[in-house]
Amino acid sequence: MPQLFVNRLTTLDFSYLHPQRGMLGESWLLDVVLQGGLDEQGMVLDFADVKRSIKQLVDDAFDHRLLIPMRYPGLAEQPRRGMSHLNFEMQNGRLIQHSSPEQAIARIDAEAVTPEAVASAIVAQLQPRMPGNVESLQIRLTPEYIDGAFYHYSHGLKHHCGNCQRIAHGHRSRLVIERDGQRAPELEADRCERWRDIYIASREDLDKEQDGDMWFSYRSAQGQFLLRLPAARCYLVDRDSTVENLAQHIADSLAREYPGSRFRVHAYEGVDKGAIASA
């Protein structure tokens, strides 16, 4: 039976809850294979329709959201009046709390958020929308291959006019640092280790710090957002954590740590996009 495939159809940028590591920013590439009979055009499905229907659903229902493993025993979630309120107890006993409009989360019917579990959730929503000749579809989610240092970070941009305003979404990002015109992989590895599994927040969004936790909140165009995380997994910056500001923050920090050297930083936000800054 004929099959149609599209590799790297889109990139899924999101955050999810992990029992040991806490809240993780992640970026997965999405490949799709459709199997079925040929339509009157001699196609399983027109490539334009693949991009329009499949990419749009993934972008709308899963991208830039917090993915929640609904079968995890340490999860307690209470939807109320269009809002989701949840407590997530990590295996070390630390607590993550998150409150947001429903549109900022995606519930995954599994004990853990994995590429396979998320792919199954996508297929379950896509299959009923496919034309009658499409008998099956497969979704594969994979991280980008990165030959070098990278880090997972989550953030929220309250001033953003799109879905980046959600307080808990994130990325898996590489980092390229040049010191005095030469690539500096040891500095890349050091910075990525400092920001491993981090939440990067603006200081003005911090409500309080108490008992080893940080509480963040803000209101944006989509509604009210609240987040409580272990302080050890948080990093505060003076401006909104856009990739432009993060690139400049890293460059300025390196210039202070290594006086007399010049730095050029390529900070990525997920796959194949980012910002460049110098100091």
Protein backbone atom coordinates (compact mmCIF):
# COMPACT_ATOMS: atom_id res chain seq x y z
CA MET A 1 0.00 0.00 0.00
CA PRO A 2 1.39 3.46 -0.88
CA GLN A 3 3.09 5.48 1.83
CA LEU A 4 3.81 9.20 1.99
CA PHE A 5 6.44 10.65 4.30
CA VAL A 6 7.52 14.11 5.42
CA ASN A 7 10.64 14.41 7.55
CA ARG A 8 11.15 17.38 9.89
CA LEU A 9 7.63 18.56 9.20
CA THR A 10 7.80 20.79 12.25
CA THR A 11 9.58 21.27 15.55
CA LEU A 12 7.77 20.81 18.84
CA ASP A 13 9.04 23.25 21.51
CA PHE A 14 7.56 22.62 24.95
CA SER A 15 8.24 21.85 28.60
CA TYR A 16 7.29 18.76 30.56
CA LEU A 17 7.39 17.40 34.09
CA HIS A 18 10.00 14.76 34.98
CA PRO A 19 10.07 12.84 38.30
CA GLN A 20 13.82 13.31 38.88
CA ARG A 21 14.83 16.36 36.85
CA GLY A 22 11.79 18.58 37.46
CA MET A 23 10.52 20.81 34.67
CA LEU A 24 12.42 20.40 31.42
CA GLY A 25 12.40 22.45 28.24
CA GLU A 26 12.54 20.28 25.14
CA SER A 27 12.59 20.47 21.33
CA TRP A 28 11.67 17.47 19.18
CA LEU A 29 11.66 17.15 15.41
CA LEU A 30 8.50 15.60 13.95
CA ASP A 31 8.46 13.10 11.07
CA VAL A 32 5.22 11.68 9.68
CA VAL A 33 4.36 8.66 7.48
CA LEU A 34 0.86 8.22 6.04
CA GLN A 35 -0.38 5.01 4.48
CA GLY A 36 -3.47 4.54 2.37
CA GLY A 37 -5.02 4.34 -1.06
CA LEU A 38 -4.55 6.96 -3.75
CA ASP A 39 -7.17 9.68 -4.16
CA GLU A 40 -8.45 11.12 -7.44
CA GLN A 41 -5.20 13.10 -7.74
CA GLY A 42 -3.13 9.91 -7.47
CA MET A 43 -1.92 10.91 -4.01
CA VAL A 44 -2.23 9.57 -0.47
CA LEU A 45 -2.48 13.21 0.62
CA ASP A 46 -1.27 16.42 -0.96
CA PHE A 47 1.87 17.78 0.71
CA ALA A 48 0.12 21.12 1.20
CA ASP A 49 -2.64 19.34 3.13
CA VAL A 50 -0.07 17.47 5.24
CA LYS A 51 1.53 20.75 6.24
CA ARG A 52 -1.77 22.50 6.78
CA SER A 53 -3.68 19.84 8.75
CA ILE A 54 -0.97 17.97 10.64
CA LYS A 55 1.39 20.85 11.39
CA GLN A 56 -1.49 23.09 12.43
CA LEU A 57 -2.89 20.54 14.88
CA VAL A 58 0.52 19.89 16.43
CA ASP A 59 1.24 23.62 16.71
CA ASP A 60 -2.18 24.32 18.23
CA ALA A 61 -2.51 21.36 20.62
CA PHE A 62 1.03 20.52 21.76
CA ASP A 63 3.56 23.21 20.86
CA HIS A 64 4.60 25.83 23.45
CA ARG A 65 2.67 24.04 26.21
CA LEU A 66 3.47 22.27 29.47
CA LEU A 67 3.00 18.54 28.89
CA ILE A 68 1.62 16.69 31.91
CA PRO A 69 1.97 12.91 32.51
CA MET A 70 -1.54 12.19 33.79
CA ARG A 71 -0.77 8.69 35.14
CA TYR A 72 2.21 9.79 37.24
CA PRO A 73 1.32 8.92 40.88
CA GLY A 74 2.76 12.17 42.26
CA LEU A 75 0.46 14.35 40.15
CA ALA A 76 -2.67 16.07 41.44
CA GLU A 77 -4.50 18.26 38.93
CA GLN A 78 -7.72 20.21 39.33
CA PRO A 79 -9.24 21.90 36.28
CA ARG A 80 -11.61 24.72 37.23
CA ARG A 81 -13.30 27.50 35.27
CA GLY A 82 -11.05 27.19 32.23
CA MET A 83 -7.92 26.98 34.36
CA SER A 84 -5.60 24.10 35.24
CA HIS A 85 -4.14 23.93 38.76
CA LEU A 86 -1.63 21.18 39.46
CA ASN A 87 0.82 19.90 42.05
CA PHE A 88 3.65 17.65 40.87
CA GLU A 89 5.69 15.93 43.59
CA MET A 90 9.14 14.94 42.42
CA GLN A 91 10.72 11.73 43.67
CA ASN A 92 12.96 13.71 46.03
CA GLY A 93 9.86 15.19 47.69
CA ARG A 94 10.20 18.68 46.16
CA LEU A 95 7.01 20.22 44.78
CA ILE A 96 6.26 21.92 41.47
CA GLN A 97 3.05 23.94 41.27
CA HIS A 98 1.60 25.35 38.08
CA SER A 99 -1.57 27.30 37.35
CA SER A 100 -2.56 28.50 33.90
CA PRO A 101 -5.34 28.71 31.34
CA GLU A 102 -6.22 25.32 29.84
CA GLN A 103 -4.68 26.30 26.51
CA ALA A 104 -1.21 26.38 28.08
CA ILE A 105 -1.10 22.65 28.95
CA ALA A 106 -1.41 19.31 27.16
CA ARG A 107 -2.42 16.18 29.04
CA ILE A 108 -0.53 13.02 28.08
CA ASP A 109 -2.19 9.72 29.04
CA ALA A 110 0.98 8.09 30.36
CA GLU A 111 3.09 7.81 33.51
CA ALA A 112 5.97 9.63 31.81
CA VAL A 113 6.29 12.09 28.94
CA THR A 114 8.27 10.27 26.25
CA PRO A 115 8.52 10.69 22.47
CA GLU A 116 6.41 7.56 22.06
CA ALA A 117 3.68 8.73 24.46
CA VAL A 118 3.45 12.16 22.84
CA ALA A 119 3.44 10.62 19.35
CA SER A 120 0.51 8.40 20.37
CA ALA A 121 -1.37 11.43 21.69
CA ILE A 122 -0.81 13.27 18.40
CA VAL A 123 -1.97 10.28 16.33
CA ALA A 124 -5.11 9.92 18.46
CA GLN A 125 -6.10 13.49 17.62
CA LEU A 126 -5.02 13.38 13.97
CA GLN A 127 -6.48 10.07 12.80
CA PRO A 128 -10.17 11.12 12.93
CA ARG A 129 -9.35 14.20 10.85
CA MET A 130 -7.71 12.33 7.98
CA PRO A 131 -9.51 11.70 4.65
CA GLY A 132 -11.11 8.27 4.23
CA ASN A 133 -8.34 6.96 1.98
CA VAL A 134 -5.68 7.48 4.70
CA GLU A 135 -5.76 4.21 6.64
CA SER A 136 -2.95 4.82 9.11
CA LEU A 137 -0.35 7.35 10.11
CA GLN A 138 2.83 7.21 12.12
CA ILE A 139 4.45 10.05 14.04
CA ARG A 140 8.09 9.96 15.09
CA LEU A 141 9.54 12.52 17.51
CA THR A 142 13.31 12.82 17.92
CA PRO A 143 15.70 15.34 19.44
CA GLU A 144 18.04 17.22 17.13
CA TYR A 145 21.51 15.71 16.84
CA ILE A 146 23.93 18.15 18.47
CA ASP A 147 27.67 17.58 18.24
CA GLY A 148 28.64 19.64 21.26
CA ALA A 149 27.13 21.29 24.33
CA PHE A 150 23.43 21.94 24.80
CA TYR A 151 21.02 22.64 27.64
CA HIS A 152 17.32 22.33 28.45
CA TYR A 153 15.61 25.53 29.56
CA SER A 154 12.07 26.66 30.27
CA HIS A 155 10.75 30.22 30.41
CA GLY A 156 7.75 32.46 29.80
CA LEU A 157 7.54 35.82 28.01
CA LYS A 158 4.60 37.75 29.40
CA HIS A 159 4.85 40.52 26.79
CA HIS A 160 4.80 38.15 23.82
CA CYS A 161 1.75 38.43 21.57
CA GLY A 162 1.76 34.68 20.81
CA ASN A 163 2.13 31.45 22.77
CA CYS A 164 5.57 32.29 24.17
CA GLN A 165 3.67 34.21 26.86
CA ARG A 166 2.89 30.90 28.56
CA ILE A 167 4.91 30.70 31.77
CA ALA A 168 6.12 27.10 31.29
CA HIS A 169 7.33 26.26 27.80
CA GLY A 170 10.85 25.60 26.69
CA HIS A 171 13.57 24.40 24.38
CA ARG A 172 16.56 22.11 24.02
CA SER A 173 19.25 24.41 22.71
CA ARG A 174 22.83 24.32 21.56
CA LEU A 175 25.30 27.10 22.33
CA VAL A 176 28.26 28.36 20.29
CA ILE A 177 30.85 30.65 21.93
CA GLU A 178 33.80 32.29 20.20
CA ARG A 179 36.57 33.79 22.33
CA ASP A 180 38.89 36.17 20.50
CA GLY A 181 37.76 34.72 17.17
CA GLN A 182 38.25 31.06 18.16
CA ARG A 183 35.59 28.49 19.04
CA ALA A 184 35.64 27.80 22.81
CA PRO A 185 33.97 24.41 23.44
CA GLU A 186 35.08 24.34 27.09
CA LEU A 187 33.17 27.58 27.74
CA GLU A 188 30.14 26.20 25.90
CA ALA A 189 30.17 23.08 28.07
CA ASP A 190 30.58 25.11 31.26
CA ARG A 191 27.67 27.45 30.48
CA CYS A 192 25.41 24.57 29.44
CA GLU A 193 26.22 22.73 32.65
CA ARG A 194 25.36 25.83 34.71
CA TRP A 195 22.00 26.05 32.93
CA ARG A 196 21.24 22.33 32.80
CA ASP A 197 17.45 21.76 33.28
CA ILE A 198 16.98 25.42 34.23
CA TYR A 199 14.05 27.79 34.47
CA ILE A 200 15.10 31.28 33.34
CA ALA A 201 12.89 34.06 34.72
CA SER A 202 12.76 37.82 34.83
CA ARG A 203 13.38 39.22 38.31
CA GLU A 204 10.20 41.27 38.14
CA ASP A 205 8.12 38.08 37.84
CA LEU A 206 9.42 36.68 41.14
CA ASP A 207 6.82 36.98 43.89
CA LYS A 208 8.79 35.44 46.73
CA GLU A 209 11.54 33.01 47.67
CA GLN A 210 10.91 30.81 50.67
CA ASP A 211 11.93 27.39 52.01
CA GLY A 212 14.13 26.68 49.00
CA ASP A 213 11.43 27.49 46.44
CA MET A 214 10.66 30.40 44.13
CA TRP A 215 7.15 31.59 43.25
CA PHE A 216 6.57 33.37 39.94
CA SER A 217 3.41 34.96 38.55
CA TYR A 218 2.16 37.36 35.91
CA ARG A 219 -0.88 38.20 33.85
CA SER A 220 -0.62 38.26 30.08
CA ALA A 221 -3.08 38.45 27.21
CA GLN A 222 -4.01 34.75 27.61
CA GLY A 223 -4.68 35.02 31.34
CA GLN A 224 -3.14 34.53 34.78
CA PHE A 225 -0.06 32.32 35.20
CA LEU A 226 1.57 31.04 38.41
CA LEU A 227 4.58 28.76 38.92
CA ARG A 228 6.43 27.39 41.94
CA LEU A 229 9.78 25.65 41.45
CA PRO A 230 12.79 24.58 43.55
CA ALA A 231 15.08 27.61 43.68
CA ALA A 232 18.10 25.50 42.72
CA ARG A 233 16.53 25.04 39.26
CA CYS A 234 15.87 28.76 38.69
CA TYR A 235 18.04 31.51 37.20
CA LEU A 236 17.04 35.18 37.34
CA VAL A 237 17.80 37.77 34.67
CA ASP A 238 17.12 41.50 34.63
CA ARG A 239 15.07 41.51 31.41
CA ASP A 240 12.59 39.18 29.72
CA SER A 241 14.25 35.92 28.76
CA THR A 242 14.03 36.35 24.99
CA VAL A 243 16.80 34.61 23.09
CA GLU A 244 18.18 38.03 22.11
CA ASN A 245 18.49 39.00 25.78
CA LEU A 246 19.90 35.62 26.76
CA ALA A 247 22.58 35.79 24.06
CA GLN A 248 23.62 39.23 25.30
CA HIS A 249 23.50 38.09 28.93
CA ILE A 250 25.87 35.22 28.20
CA ALA A 251 28.25 37.46 26.22
CA ASP A 252 28.31 40.12 28.94
CA SER A 253 28.83 37.51 31.68
CA LEU A 254 31.79 36.01 29.82
CA ALA A 255 33.33 39.45 29.26
CA ARG A 256 33.19 40.08 33.01
CA GLU A 257 34.66 36.67 33.84
CA TYR A 258 37.50 37.00 31.30
CA PRO A 259 38.57 40.68 31.13
CA GLY A 260 40.47 41.56 28.00
CA SER A 261 38.84 38.91 25.81
CA ARG A 262 36.17 39.52 23.19
CA PHE A 263 33.24 37.17 22.84
CA ARG A 264 30.70 36.33 20.17
CA VAL A 265 27.77 34.13 21.26
CA HIS A 266 25.31 32.20 19.12
CA ALA A 267 22.44 31.27 21.46
CA TYR A 268 19.87 28.90 20.01
CA GLU A 269 16.17 28.74 20.85
CA GLY A 270 15.37 25.16 19.95
CA VAL A 271 16.31 24.02 16.42
CA ASP A 272 17.96 26.20 13.77
CA LYS A 273 16.98 29.58 15.17
CA GLY A 274 18.39 31.96 17.75
CA ALA A 275 20.32 35.18 18.29
CA ILE A 276 23.90 36.47 18.10
CA ALA A 277 25.50 38.85 20.58
CA SER A 278 28.98 40.24 21.19
CA ALA A 279 30.82 41.71 24.16
